Amino acid sequence: MPGLVVAGVVGRALRDATLVSLPIGISVAVVSILGRPGSHVLFAVGPFDATVEGLDFALRIDLRLFVLALALALFALTTEARSLVVDLERRGVSRRLAFAAAATLQAIPAMAERARAIQAAQRARGLDTEGSIGARLRGVIPLAGPAILGTLADVETRSQALEARAFDRPGKRHLLWAPADSNAERLARWLLAAAVVAFVALNAVRAVPPLP
């Protein structure tokens, strides 16, 4: 939460984390509440008993899922793909691995933007994509084909651009730009790394209560 406040993305991160974790959270809650045995029964649904123990377990799991989604949302909203690639390569990570990480981060936003453009073009040609559920389902196929072909064409274009920039050239490359890295950011990274090590050590000696 301090990172969200400092970055000024509290609202967007909470929205994105909720949208990502809600479907999985509902599934976990239903399975845990109705399927986990316990001595305190809240209510019964057919042959299944909803227990307090199941509710407690579901809340713990859903909270962990939401925190994980919130951390991913913070990373996605505050980290530029170009900065990530350059910094990973500057720290000795393979350029192929760094490029794969950046391509993964950019894949979903690029596909969503392409789908919106294709949908607008199809509507301009008279395709009904905003009517009933049946009309929307019929509009999926005309959207899927151009989206897949556009993605393949984008991959080919990106591959040619990488070859033109000697991406496969052996040896160390000299980077012309590096992302800013202030003393406060370096201190925050070391503190976070120390917190992770401390948590792992406490978990190893069972000082942290395990998940029931």
N, C-alpha and C. Protein backbone atom coordinates (compact mmCIF):
# COMPACT_ATOMS: atom_id res chain seq x y z
N MET A 1 0.81 -1.21 0.00
CA MET A 1 0.00 0.00 0.00
C MET A 1 0.84 1.27 0.00
N PRO A 2 1.96 1.33 0.75
CA PRO A 2 2.80 2.53 0.62
C PRO A 2 3.30 2.75 -0.80
N GLY A 3 3.65 1.67 -1.50
CA GLY A 3 4.07 1.82 -2.88
C GLY A 3 2.97 2.34 -3.77
N LEU A 4 1.74 1.88 -3.56
CA LEU A 4 0.62 2.37 -4.34
C LEU A 4 0.37 3.85 -4.10
N VAL A 5 0.48 4.25 -2.83
CA VAL A 5 0.25 5.66 -2.50
C VAL A 5 1.32 6.54 -3.11
N VAL A 6 2.59 6.13 -3.00
CA VAL A 6 3.69 6.92 -3.56
C VAL A 6 3.56 7.04 -5.07
N ALA A 7 3.18 5.93 -5.73
CA ALA A 7 3.05 5.95 -7.19
C ALA A 7 1.78 6.63 -7.67
N GLY A 8 0.81 6.83 -6.76
CA GLY A 8 -0.44 7.48 -7.15
C GLY A 8 -1.35 6.62 -8.00
N VAL A 9 -1.31 5.30 -7.80
CA VAL A 9 -2.12 4.39 -8.62
C VAL A 9 -3.01 3.51 -7.73
N VAL A 10 -3.43 4.04 -6.59
CA VAL A 10 -4.22 3.24 -5.66
C VAL A 10 -5.52 2.76 -6.29
N GLY A 11 -6.27 3.68 -6.89
CA GLY A 11 -7.56 3.32 -7.47
C GLY A 11 -7.44 2.32 -8.60
N ARG A 12 -6.52 2.57 -9.54
CA ARG A 12 -6.37 1.67 -10.68
C ARG A 12 -5.86 0.30 -10.23
N ALA A 13 -4.94 0.27 -9.28
CA ALA A 13 -4.40 -1.01 -8.82
C ALA A 13 -5.46 -1.82 -8.09
N LEU A 14 -6.26 -1.17 -7.24
CA LEU A 14 -7.33 -1.87 -6.54
C LEU A 14 -8.35 -2.42 -7.53
N ARG A 15 -8.69 -1.65 -8.55
CA ARG A 15 -9.64 -2.12 -9.55
C ARG A 15 -9.09 -3.31 -10.33
N ASP A 16 -7.85 -3.20 -10.81
CA ASP A 16 -7.27 -4.29 -11.59
C ASP A 16 -7.10 -5.55 -10.74
N ALA A 17 -6.63 -5.38 -9.50
CA ALA A 17 -6.43 -6.54 -8.63
C ALA A 17 -7.76 -7.23 -8.32
N THR A 18 -8.81 -6.43 -8.14
CA THR A 18 -10.13 -7.02 -7.87
C THR A 18 -10.64 -7.79 -9.07
N LEU A 19 -10.50 -7.23 -10.27
CA LEU A 19 -10.97 -7.91 -11.47
C LEU A 19 -10.21 -9.20 -11.71
N VAL A 20 -8.90 -9.22 -11.39
CA VAL A 20 -8.09 -10.41 -11.64
C VAL A 20 -8.38 -11.50 -10.61
N SER A 21 -8.48 -11.11 -9.34
CA SER A 21 -8.59 -12.10 -8.27
C SER A 21 -10.03 -12.52 -7.98
N LEU A 22 -11.02 -11.75 -8.43
CA LEU A 22 -12.41 -12.07 -8.08
C LEU A 22 -12.89 -13.43 -8.60
N PRO A 23 -12.67 -13.78 -9.89
CA PRO A 23 -13.16 -15.10 -10.33
C PRO A 23 -12.53 -16.25 -9.57
N ILE A 24 -11.21 -16.21 -9.38
CA ILE A 24 -10.54 -17.28 -8.64
C ILE A 24 -10.98 -17.26 -7.19
N GLY A 25 -11.13 -16.06 -6.62
CA GLY A 25 -11.54 -15.96 -5.22
C GLY A 25 -12.92 -16.55 -4.96
N ILE A 26 -13.85 -16.32 -5.89
CA ILE A 26 -15.19 -16.89 -5.73
C ILE A 26 -15.13 -18.42 -5.78
N SER A 27 -14.35 -18.95 -6.71
CA SER A 27 -14.22 -20.41 -6.81
C SER A 27 -13.62 -20.99 -5.53
N VAL A 28 -12.56 -20.35 -5.03
CA VAL A 28 -11.91 -20.83 -3.81
C VAL A 28 -12.88 -20.76 -2.64
N ALA A 29 -13.66 -19.68 -2.55
CA ALA A 29 -14.60 -19.53 -1.44
C ALA A 29 -15.67 -20.61 -1.46
N VAL A 30 -16.23 -20.89 -2.65
CA VAL A 30 -17.29 -21.90 -2.75
C VAL A 30 -16.76 -23.27 -2.37
N VAL A 31 -15.59 -23.64 -2.93
CA VAL A 31 -15.03 -24.97 -2.65
C VAL A 31 -14.62 -25.10 -1.19
N SER A 32 -14.02 -24.05 -0.63
CA SER A 32 -13.52 -24.13 0.75
C SER A 32 -14.67 -24.14 1.76
N ILE A 33 -15.63 -23.25 1.57
CA ILE A 33 -16.72 -23.15 2.55
C ILE A 33 -17.58 -24.41 2.56
N LEU A 34 -17.85 -24.95 1.38
CA LEU A 34 -18.74 -26.11 1.30
C LEU A 34 -17.98 -27.44 1.35
N GLY A 35 -16.68 -27.42 1.12
CA GLY A 35 -15.97 -28.69 1.05
C GLY A 35 -14.98 -28.94 2.17
N ARG A 36 -14.69 -27.94 2.99
CA ARG A 36 -13.72 -28.13 4.06
C ARG A 36 -14.46 -28.56 5.33
N PRO A 37 -14.07 -29.69 5.93
CA PRO A 37 -14.78 -30.16 7.13
C PRO A 37 -14.51 -29.26 8.33
N GLY A 38 -15.44 -29.24 9.26
CA GLY A 38 -15.31 -28.45 10.47
C GLY A 38 -16.40 -28.79 11.46
N SER A 39 -16.21 -28.32 12.68
CA SER A 39 -17.17 -28.63 13.75
C SER A 39 -18.24 -27.57 13.92
N HIS A 40 -18.07 -26.40 13.31
CA HIS A 40 -19.04 -25.32 13.45
C HIS A 40 -19.74 -25.12 12.10
N VAL A 41 -20.97 -25.57 12.00
CA VAL A 41 -21.72 -25.50 10.74
C VAL A 41 -22.54 -24.22 10.71
N LEU A 42 -22.39 -23.47 9.61
CA LEU A 42 -23.15 -22.24 9.42
C LEU A 42 -24.51 -22.53 8.80
N PHE A 43 -24.51 -23.27 7.70
CA PHE A 43 -25.74 -23.66 7.03
C PHE A 43 -25.42 -24.85 6.14
N ALA A 44 -26.44 -25.46 5.63
CA ALA A 44 -26.28 -26.64 4.78
C ALA A 44 -26.87 -26.38 3.40
N VAL A 45 -26.17 -26.86 2.37
CA VAL A 45 -26.65 -26.78 0.99
C VAL A 45 -26.68 -28.21 0.46
N GLY A 46 -27.83 -28.84 0.53
CA GLY A 46 -27.93 -30.23 0.13
C GLY A 46 -27.07 -31.10 1.03
N PRO A 47 -26.18 -31.90 0.43
CA PRO A 47 -25.31 -32.76 1.24
C PRO A 47 -24.07 -32.04 1.78
N PHE A 48 -23.91 -30.77 1.46
CA PHE A 48 -22.70 -30.03 1.85
C PHE A 48 -23.00 -29.13 3.05
N ASP A 49 -22.05 -29.07 3.97
CA ASP A 49 -22.15 -28.21 5.15
C ASP A 49 -21.16 -27.06 5.02
N ALA A 50 -21.66 -25.84 5.14
CA ALA A 50 -20.79 -24.67 5.16
C ALA A 50 -20.31 -24.45 6.59
N THR A 51 -19.00 -24.51 6.77
CA THR A 51 -18.43 -24.46 8.11
C THR A 51 -17.67 -23.16 8.34
N VAL A 52 -17.50 -22.83 9.62
CA VAL A 52 -16.71 -21.65 9.99
C VAL A 52 -15.25 -21.87 9.60
N GLU A 53 -14.78 -23.10 9.77
CA GLU A 53 -13.39 -23.40 9.40
C GLU A 53 -13.16 -23.21 7.90
N GLY A 54 -14.14 -23.61 7.09
CA GLY A 54 -14.03 -23.39 5.66
C GLY A 54 -14.05 -21.93 5.29
N LEU A 55 -14.89 -21.15 5.98
CA LEU A 55 -14.94 -19.71 5.74
C LEU A 55 -13.62 -19.04 6.11
N ASP A 56 -13.04 -19.44 7.24
CA ASP A 56 -11.76 -18.89 7.66
C ASP A 56 -10.67 -19.22 6.65
N PHE A 57 -10.64 -20.46 6.18
CA PHE A 57 -9.65 -20.87 5.18
C PHE A 57 -9.82 -20.08 3.88
N ALA A 58 -11.08 -19.91 3.44
CA ALA A 58 -11.35 -19.18 2.20
C ALA A 58 -10.91 -17.73 2.31
N LEU A 59 -11.16 -17.10 3.45
CA LEU A 59 -10.76 -15.70 3.63
C LEU A 59 -9.24 -15.56 3.59
N ARG A 60 -8.53 -16.51 4.21
CA ARG A 60 -7.07 -16.47 4.19
C ARG A 60 -6.52 -16.61 2.76
N ILE A 61 -7.05 -17.57 2.02
CA ILE A 61 -6.58 -17.80 0.65
C ILE A 61 -6.93 -16.61 -0.25
N ASP A 62 -8.16 -16.11 -0.13
CA ASP A 62 -8.57 -14.98 -0.96
C ASP A 62 -7.75 -13.73 -0.66
N LEU A 63 -7.40 -13.54 0.61
CA LEU A 63 -6.57 -12.39 0.96
C LEU A 63 -5.19 -12.51 0.32
N ARG A 64 -4.64 -13.70 0.33
CA ARG A 64 -3.33 -13.92 -0.30
C ARG A 64 -3.41 -13.70 -1.80
N LEU A 65 -4.47 -14.18 -2.43
CA LEU A 65 -4.64 -13.97 -3.87
C LEU A 65 -4.75 -12.49 -4.20
N PHE A 66 -5.50 -11.75 -3.38
CA PHE A 66 -5.68 -10.31 -3.64
C PHE A 66 -4.38 -9.55 -3.47
N VAL A 67 -3.61 -9.90 -2.44
CA VAL A 67 -2.33 -9.23 -2.22
C VAL A 67 -1.38 -9.52 -3.38
N LEU A 68 -1.36 -10.78 -3.85
CA LEU A 68 -0.53 -11.13 -5.00
C LEU A 68 -0.95 -10.34 -6.24
N ALA A 69 -2.26 -10.28 -6.49
CA ALA A 69 -2.75 -9.52 -7.64
C ALA A 69 -2.44 -8.03 -7.50
N LEU A 70 -2.49 -7.53 -6.27
CA LEU A 70 -2.20 -6.12 -6.04
C LEU A 70 -0.72 -5.82 -6.32
N ALA A 71 0.15 -6.74 -5.91
CA ALA A 71 1.58 -6.56 -6.20
C ALA A 71 1.85 -6.59 -7.69
N LEU A 72 1.21 -7.50 -8.41
CA LEU A 72 1.38 -7.56 -9.86
C LEU A 72 0.83 -6.30 -10.53
N ALA A 73 -0.30 -5.79 -10.03
CA ALA A 73 -0.87 -4.57 -10.60
C ALA A 73 0.05 -3.38 -10.36
N LEU A 74 0.64 -3.29 -9.17
CA LEU A 74 1.58 -2.21 -8.88
C LEU A 74 2.78 -2.29 -9.82
N PHE A 75 3.30 -3.50 -10.03
CA PHE A 75 4.44 -3.67 -10.94
C PHE A 75 4.07 -3.26 -12.37
N ALA A 76 2.90 -3.70 -12.84
CA ALA A 76 2.51 -3.42 -14.21
C ALA A 76 2.24 -1.94 -14.44
N LEU A 77 1.69 -1.25 -13.43
CA LEU A 77 1.33 0.16 -13.59
C LEU A 77 2.51 1.11 -13.41
N THR A 78 3.58 0.65 -12.80
CA THR A 78 4.69 1.55 -12.50
C THR A 78 5.98 1.19 -13.22
N THR A 79 6.03 0.05 -13.91
CA THR A 79 7.26 -0.38 -14.56
C THR A 79 7.09 -0.37 -16.07
N GLU A 80 7.90 0.44 -16.73
CA GLU A 80 7.88 0.50 -18.19
C GLU A 80 8.64 -0.70 -18.74
N ALA A 81 8.10 -1.31 -19.77
CA ALA A 81 8.71 -2.51 -20.33
C ALA A 81 10.13 -2.23 -20.81
N ARG A 82 10.36 -1.08 -21.43
CA ARG A 82 11.69 -0.75 -21.92
C ARG A 82 12.68 -0.65 -20.76
N SER A 83 12.26 -0.01 -19.69
CA SER A 83 13.14 0.12 -18.52
C SER A 83 13.47 -1.25 -17.94
N LEU A 84 12.48 -2.15 -17.89
CA LEU A 84 12.72 -3.48 -17.35
C LEU A 84 13.75 -4.23 -18.18
N VAL A 85 13.60 -4.20 -19.51
CA VAL A 85 14.51 -4.92 -20.39
C VAL A 85 15.94 -4.40 -20.25
N VAL A 86 16.08 -3.09 -20.28
CA VAL A 86 17.41 -2.49 -20.20
C VAL A 86 18.06 -2.78 -18.86
N ASP A 87 17.31 -2.66 -17.79
CA ASP A 87 17.90 -2.87 -16.47
C ASP A 87 18.25 -4.34 -16.24
N LEU A 88 17.42 -5.26 -16.73
CA LEU A 88 17.75 -6.68 -16.60
C LEU A 88 19.03 -7.00 -17.36
N GLU A 89 19.14 -6.49 -18.58
CA GLU A 89 20.35 -6.75 -19.36
C GLU A 89 21.56 -6.08 -18.75
N ARG A 90 21.37 -4.90 -18.17
CA ARG A 90 22.49 -4.20 -17.52
C ARG A 90 23.01 -4.97 -16.32
N ARG A 91 22.14 -5.74 -15.67
CA ARG A 91 22.53 -6.51 -14.50
C ARG A 91 22.99 -7.92 -14.84
N GLY A 92 23.16 -8.21 -16.13
CA GLY A 92 23.74 -9.49 -16.52
C GLY A 92 22.76 -10.54 -16.97
N VAL A 93 21.47 -10.24 -17.02
CA VAL A 93 20.49 -11.21 -17.48
C VAL A 93 20.60 -11.36 -19.00
N SER A 94 20.38 -12.58 -19.48
CA SER A 94 20.44 -12.83 -20.92
C SER A 94 19.48 -11.92 -21.67
N ARG A 95 19.94 -11.41 -22.79
CA ARG A 95 19.09 -10.49 -23.56
C ARG A 95 17.84 -11.19 -24.07
N ARG A 96 17.93 -12.48 -24.36
CA ARG A 96 16.76 -13.21 -24.80
C ARG A 96 15.73 -13.32 -23.68
N LEU A 97 16.21 -13.61 -22.46
CA LEU A 97 15.30 -13.70 -21.33
C LEU A 97 14.68 -12.35 -21.02
N ALA A 98 15.47 -11.29 -21.09
CA ALA A 98 14.94 -9.95 -20.84
C ALA A 98 13.89 -9.57 -21.88
N PHE A 99 14.16 -9.89 -23.14
CA PHE A 99 13.19 -9.59 -24.18
C PHE A 99 11.91 -10.40 -24.01
N ALA A 100 12.05 -11.68 -23.60
CA ALA A 100 10.87 -12.51 -23.38
C ALA A 100 10.01 -11.94 -22.26
N ALA A 101 10.67 -11.43 -21.19
CA ALA A 101 9.91 -10.83 -20.09
C ALA A 101 9.15 -9.59 -20.56
N ALA A 102 9.81 -8.75 -21.35
CA ALA A 102 9.13 -7.55 -21.84
C ALA A 102 8.00 -7.89 -22.81
N ALA A 103 8.24 -8.88 -23.67
CA ALA A 103 7.19 -9.28 -24.63
C ALA A 103 5.97 -9.83 -23.90
N THR A 104 6.21 -10.55 -22.80
CA THR A 104 5.08 -11.08 -22.03
C THR A 104 4.27 -9.96 -21.41
N LEU A 105 4.95 -8.94 -20.88
CA LEU A 105 4.24 -7.82 -20.26
C LEU A 105 3.43 -7.02 -21.30
N GLN A 106 3.96 -6.94 -22.51
CA GLN A 106 3.30 -6.13 -23.54
C GLN A 106 2.26 -6.90 -24.33
N ALA A 107 2.22 -8.22 -24.19
CA ALA A 107 1.36 -9.03 -25.05
C ALA A 107 -0.12 -8.74 -24.83
N ILE A 108 -0.56 -8.79 -23.56
CA ILE A 108 -1.99 -8.62 -23.27
C ILE A 108 -2.48 -7.22 -23.62
N PRO A 109 -1.78 -6.13 -23.20
CA PRO A 109 -2.25 -4.80 -23.63
C PRO A 109 -2.28 -4.63 -25.14
N ALA A 110 -1.28 -5.19 -25.85
CA ALA A 110 -1.26 -5.06 -27.31
C ALA A 110 -2.42 -5.81 -27.95
N MET A 111 -2.72 -7.01 -27.45
CA MET A 111 -3.84 -7.77 -28.00
C MET A 111 -5.17 -7.09 -27.70
N ALA A 112 -5.29 -6.50 -26.50
CA ALA A 112 -6.53 -5.80 -26.16
C ALA A 112 -6.73 -4.58 -27.06
N GLU A 113 -5.66 -3.85 -27.32
CA GLU A 113 -5.75 -2.68 -28.19
C GLU A 113 -6.08 -3.10 -29.62
N ARG A 114 -5.49 -4.19 -30.09
CA ARG A 114 -5.78 -4.67 -31.44
C ARG A 114 -7.24 -5.15 -31.53
N ALA A 115 -7.73 -5.80 -30.49
CA ALA A 115 -9.11 -6.28 -30.50
C ALA A 115 -10.08 -5.11 -30.55
N ARG A 116 -9.78 -4.03 -29.82
CA ARG A 116 -10.67 -2.85 -29.87
C ARG A 116 -10.68 -2.23 -31.26
N ALA A 117 -9.50 -2.16 -31.89
CA ALA A 117 -9.44 -1.59 -33.23
C ALA A 117 -10.20 -2.45 -34.24
N ILE A 118 -10.05 -3.77 -34.13
CA ILE A 118 -10.77 -4.67 -35.04
C ILE A 118 -12.27 -4.59 -34.80
N GLN A 119 -12.67 -4.52 -33.54
CA GLN A 119 -14.10 -4.42 -33.23
C GLN A 119 -14.69 -3.15 -33.80
N ALA A 120 -13.97 -2.02 -33.70
CA ALA A 120 -14.46 -0.77 -34.26
C ALA A 120 -14.57 -0.86 -35.78
N ALA A 121 -13.59 -1.51 -36.41
CA ALA A 121 -13.64 -1.66 -37.87
C ALA A 121 -14.80 -2.56 -38.30
N GLN A 122 -15.05 -3.64 -37.53
CA GLN A 122 -16.15 -4.52 -37.87
C GLN A 122 -17.51 -3.84 -37.68
N ARG A 123 -17.62 -3.02 -36.64
CA ARG A 123 -18.88 -2.28 -36.45
C ARG A 123 -19.10 -1.29 -37.57
N ALA A 124 -18.01 -0.67 -38.07
CA ALA A 124 -18.15 0.26 -39.19
C ALA A 124 -18.62 -0.45 -40.44
N ARG A 125 -18.38 -1.77 -40.53
CA ARG A 125 -18.84 -2.56 -41.68
C ARG A 125 -20.22 -3.17 -41.45
N GLY A 126 -20.86 -2.84 -40.32
CA GLY A 126 -22.22 -3.30 -40.07
C GLY A 126 -22.35 -4.52 -39.19
N LEU A 127 -21.23 -5.00 -38.59
CA LEU A 127 -21.32 -6.18 -37.72
C LEU A 127 -21.87 -5.76 -36.36
N ASP A 128 -22.86 -6.50 -35.88
CA ASP A 128 -23.48 -6.21 -34.58
C ASP A 128 -22.66 -6.88 -33.49
N THR A 129 -21.94 -6.09 -32.71
CA THR A 129 -21.12 -6.63 -31.61
C THR A 129 -21.56 -6.10 -30.25
N GLU A 130 -22.66 -5.36 -30.20
CA GLU A 130 -23.10 -4.77 -28.94
C GLU A 130 -24.57 -5.07 -28.66
N GLY A 131 -25.14 -6.05 -29.33
CA GLY A 131 -26.54 -6.37 -29.12
C GLY A 131 -26.73 -7.43 -28.05
N SER A 132 -27.51 -8.43 -28.37
CA SER A 132 -27.80 -9.50 -27.43
C SER A 132 -26.58 -10.40 -27.26
N ILE A 133 -26.72 -11.37 -26.35
CA ILE A 133 -25.62 -12.30 -26.11
C ILE A 133 -25.34 -13.13 -27.36
N GLY A 134 -26.40 -13.54 -28.05
CA GLY A 134 -26.21 -14.29 -29.29
C GLY A 134 -25.46 -13.50 -30.34
N ALA A 135 -25.79 -12.21 -30.46
CA ALA A 135 -25.10 -11.37 -31.43
C ALA A 135 -23.63 -11.21 -31.07
N ARG A 136 -23.35 -11.08 -29.78
CA ARG A 136 -21.95 -10.94 -29.37
C ARG A 136 -21.18 -12.22 -29.61
N LEU A 137 -21.82 -13.37 -29.38
CA LEU A 137 -21.14 -14.63 -29.63
C LEU A 137 -20.86 -14.80 -31.12
N ARG A 138 -21.82 -14.39 -31.96
CA ARG A 138 -21.60 -14.49 -33.41
C ARG A 138 -20.49 -13.55 -33.86
N GLY A 139 -20.25 -12.48 -33.11
CA GLY A 139 -19.21 -11.54 -33.49
C GLY A 139 -17.82 -11.94 -33.04
N VAL A 140 -17.71 -13.05 -32.28
CA VAL A 140 -16.39 -13.46 -31.78
C VAL A 140 -15.51 -13.96 -32.92
N ILE A 141 -16.07 -14.81 -33.80
CA ILE A 141 -15.27 -15.39 -34.88
C ILE A 141 -14.73 -14.32 -35.82
N PRO A 142 -15.53 -13.35 -36.27
CA PRO A 142 -14.96 -12.29 -37.12
C PRO A 142 -13.88 -11.47 -36.42
N LEU A 143 -13.90 -11.45 -35.10
CA LEU A 143 -12.86 -10.72 -34.37
C LEU A 143 -11.62 -11.57 -34.14
N ALA A 144 -11.83 -12.89 -33.91
CA ALA A 144 -10.70 -13.76 -33.56
C ALA A 144 -9.73 -13.92 -34.73
N GLY A 145 -10.26 -14.10 -35.93
CA GLY A 145 -9.39 -14.31 -37.09
C GLY A 145 -8.42 -13.16 -37.32
N PRO A 146 -8.91 -11.93 -37.49
CA PRO A 146 -7.98 -10.81 -37.68
C PRO A 146 -7.05 -10.58 -36.49
N ALA A 147 -7.52 -10.86 -35.27
CA ALA A 147 -6.67 -10.66 -34.10
C ALA A 147 -5.48 -11.62 -34.12
N ILE A 148 -5.74 -12.89 -34.46
CA ILE A 148 -4.65 -13.88 -34.51
C ILE A 148 -3.68 -13.56 -35.64
N LEU A 149 -4.22 -13.24 -36.82
CA LEU A 149 -3.35 -12.92 -37.95
C LEU A 149 -2.54 -11.66 -37.67
N GLY A 150 -3.17 -10.67 -37.02
CA GLY A 150 -2.44 -9.45 -36.68
C GLY A 150 -1.32 -9.71 -35.68
N THR A 151 -1.57 -10.61 -34.73
CA THR A 151 -0.54 -10.96 -33.76
C THR A 151 0.64 -11.64 -34.43
N LEU A 152 0.35 -12.58 -35.37
CA LEU A 152 1.43 -13.25 -36.08
C LEU A 152 2.23 -12.26 -36.93
N ALA A 153 1.52 -11.34 -37.57
CA ALA A 153 2.22 -10.33 -38.37
C ALA A 153 3.09 -9.44 -37.49
N ASP A 154 2.60 -9.12 -36.29
CA ASP A 154 3.39 -8.30 -35.38
C ASP A 154 4.64 -9.03 -34.92
N VAL A 155 4.51 -10.34 -34.68
CA VAL A 155 5.69 -11.13 -34.29
C VAL A 155 6.74 -11.13 -35.39
N GLU A 156 6.29 -11.29 -36.64
CA GLU A 156 7.24 -11.29 -37.76
C GLU A 156 7.90 -9.92 -37.90
N THR A 157 7.13 -8.85 -37.77
CA THR A 157 7.70 -7.51 -37.88
C THR A 157 8.72 -7.26 -36.77
N ARG A 158 8.38 -7.69 -35.55
CA ARG A 158 9.31 -7.50 -34.44
C ARG A 158 10.59 -8.31 -34.63
N SER A 159 10.46 -9.51 -35.18
CA SER A 159 11.64 -10.34 -35.43
C SER A 159 12.56 -9.68 -36.45
N GLN A 160 11.98 -9.13 -37.51
CA GLN A 160 12.80 -8.45 -38.52
C GLN A 160 13.47 -7.22 -37.93
N ALA A 161 12.76 -6.50 -37.06
CA ALA A 161 13.37 -5.33 -36.43
C ALA A 161 14.54 -5.72 -35.53
N LEU A 162 14.39 -6.83 -34.80
CA LEU A 162 15.47 -7.29 -33.94
C LEU A 162 16.69 -7.71 -34.77
N GLU A 163 16.45 -8.40 -35.88
CA GLU A 163 17.56 -8.80 -36.74
C GLU A 163 18.27 -7.58 -37.33
N ALA A 164 17.50 -6.55 -37.69
CA ALA A 164 18.11 -5.34 -38.23
C ALA A 164 18.96 -4.62 -37.19
N ARG A 165 18.64 -4.83 -35.91
CA ARG A 165 19.41 -4.19 -34.83
C ARG A 165 20.46 -5.13 -34.24
N ALA A 166 20.78 -6.22 -34.95
CA ALA A 166 21.83 -7.16 -34.54
C ALA A 166 21.56 -7.71 -33.15
N PHE A 167 20.33 -8.18 -32.94
CA PHE A 167 19.96 -8.70 -31.63
C PHE A 167 20.76 -9.96 -31.29
N ASP A 168 21.07 -10.79 -32.27
CA ASP A 168 21.79 -12.04 -32.04
C ASP A 168 23.30 -11.89 -32.08
N ARG A 169 23.80 -10.68 -32.16
CA ARG A 169 25.25 -10.49 -32.22
C ARG A 169 25.88 -10.97 -30.92
N PRO A 170 26.90 -11.83 -30.98
CA PRO A 170 27.53 -12.31 -29.74
C PRO A 170 28.34 -11.21 -29.07
N GLY A 171 28.61 -11.43 -27.79
CA GLY A 171 29.40 -10.47 -27.04
C GLY A 171 28.53 -9.49 -26.27
N LYS A 172 29.19 -8.72 -25.42
CA LYS A 172 28.48 -7.76 -24.58
C LYS A 172 28.11 -6.52 -25.38
N ARG A 173 26.91 -6.03 -25.14
CA ARG A 173 26.44 -4.83 -25.83
C ARG A 173 26.64 -3.62 -24.93
N HIS A 174 26.86 -2.47 -25.55
CA HIS A 174 27.01 -1.21 -24.83
C HIS A 174 25.67 -0.47 -24.87
N LEU A 175 25.03 -0.38 -23.73
CA LEU A 175 23.73 0.25 -23.65
C LEU A 175 23.88 1.77 -23.63
N LEU A 176 23.08 2.43 -24.44
CA LEU A 176 23.15 3.88 -24.55
C LEU A 176 22.25 4.59 -23.54
N TRP A 177 21.37 3.85 -22.88
CA TRP A 177 20.43 4.45 -21.94
C TRP A 177 20.19 3.49 -20.80
N ALA A 178 20.02 4.03 -19.61
CA ALA A 178 19.71 3.21 -18.43
C ALA A 178 18.66 3.95 -17.61
N PRO A 179 17.73 3.23 -17.01
CA PRO A 179 16.70 3.90 -16.20
C PRO A 179 17.29 4.52 -14.95
N ALA A 180 16.66 5.59 -14.50
CA ALA A 180 17.14 6.27 -13.29
C ALA A 180 17.01 5.35 -12.08
N ASP A 181 18.00 5.41 -11.21
CA ASP A 181 18.02 4.56 -10.03
C ASP A 181 18.52 5.41 -8.86
N SER A 182 17.58 5.96 -8.07
CA SER A 182 17.95 6.86 -6.99
C SER A 182 18.38 6.08 -5.76
N ASN A 183 18.97 6.80 -4.81
CA ASN A 183 19.39 6.17 -3.56
C ASN A 183 18.20 5.62 -2.78
N ALA A 184 17.07 6.35 -2.83
CA ALA A 184 15.87 5.87 -2.13
C ALA A 184 15.37 4.55 -2.72
N GLU A 185 15.42 4.42 -4.06
CA GLU A 185 14.98 3.18 -4.69
C GLU A 185 15.91 2.02 -4.35
N ARG A 186 17.21 2.28 -4.34
CA ARG A 186 18.15 1.22 -3.97
C ARG A 186 17.94 0.79 -2.52
N LEU A 187 17.73 1.76 -1.63
CA LEU A 187 17.48 1.43 -0.23
C LEU A 187 16.19 0.62 -0.08
N ALA A 188 15.16 0.99 -0.82
CA ALA A 188 13.90 0.25 -0.75
C ALA A 188 14.08 -1.18 -1.23
N ARG A 189 14.86 -1.39 -2.29
CA ARG A 189 15.10 -2.75 -2.79
C ARG A 189 15.83 -3.60 -1.75
N TRP A 190 16.85 -3.03 -1.10
CA TRP A 190 17.58 -3.79 -0.09
C TRP A 190 16.70 -4.11 1.11
N LEU A 191 15.85 -3.17 1.49
CA LEU A 191 14.94 -3.43 2.61
C LEU A 191 13.94 -4.52 2.26
N LEU A 192 13.42 -4.50 1.05
CA LEU A 192 12.49 -5.54 0.63
C LEU A 192 13.18 -6.90 0.57
N ALA A 193 14.41 -6.93 0.04
CA ALA A 193 15.15 -8.19 -0.01
C ALA A 193 15.42 -8.72 1.40
N ALA A 194 15.78 -7.82 2.32
CA ALA A 194 16.00 -8.24 3.70
C ALA A 194 14.72 -8.75 4.34
N ALA A 195 13.59 -8.13 4.02
CA ALA A 195 12.31 -8.58 4.57
C ALA A 195 11.96 -9.97 4.06
N VAL A 196 12.24 -10.25 2.78
CA VAL A 196 11.97 -11.58 2.23
C VAL A 196 12.84 -12.63 2.91
N VAL A 197 14.13 -12.32 3.08
CA VAL A 197 15.04 -13.26 3.74
C VAL A 197 14.59 -13.52 5.17
N ALA A 198 14.19 -12.45 5.87
CA ALA A 198 13.74 -12.60 7.26
C ALA A 198 12.47 -13.45 7.34
N PHE A 199 11.56 -13.24 6.40
CA PHE A 199 10.33 -14.03 6.42
C PHE A 199 10.61 -15.50 6.15
N VAL A 200 11.51 -15.77 5.18
CA VAL A 200 11.85 -17.16 4.88
C VAL A 200 12.50 -17.82 6.09
N ALA A 201 13.39 -17.08 6.78
CA ALA A 201 14.05 -17.64 7.97
C ALA A 201 13.05 -17.90 9.08
N LEU A 202 12.13 -16.97 9.31
CA LEU A 202 11.11 -17.17 10.35
C LEU A 202 10.19 -18.34 10.01
N ASN A 203 9.90 -18.47 8.71
CA ASN A 203 9.05 -19.58 8.29
C ASN A 203 9.77 -20.92 8.45
N ALA A 204 11.10 -20.91 8.25
CA ALA A 204 11.87 -22.14 8.38
C ALA A 204 11.91 -22.64 9.83
N VAL A 205 11.95 -21.72 10.78
CA VAL A 205 11.98 -22.13 12.20
C VAL A 205 10.57 -22.16 12.78
N ARG A 206 9.56 -22.06 11.88
CA ARG A 206 8.16 -22.14 12.27
C ARG A 206 7.75 -21.05 13.27
N ALA A 207 8.36 -19.87 13.11
CA ALA A 207 7.94 -18.73 13.94
C ALA A 207 6.70 -18.06 13.36
N VAL A 208 6.41 -18.34 12.08
CA VAL A 208 5.22 -17.81 11.43
C VAL A 208 4.16 -18.91 11.44
N PRO A 209 2.97 -18.63 11.94
CA PRO A 209 1.92 -19.67 11.99
C PRO A 209 1.57 -20.14 10.59
N PRO A 210 1.55 -21.46 10.36
CA PRO A 210 1.24 -21.98 9.03
C PRO A 210 -0.24 -21.84 8.71
N LEU A 211 -0.54 -21.94 7.42
CA LEU A 211 -1.94 -21.89 6.97
C LEU A 211 -2.62 -23.19 7.35
N PRO A 212 -3.77 -23.12 8.05
CA PRO A 212 -4.43 -24.37 8.46
C PRO A 212 -4.96 -25.15 7.27
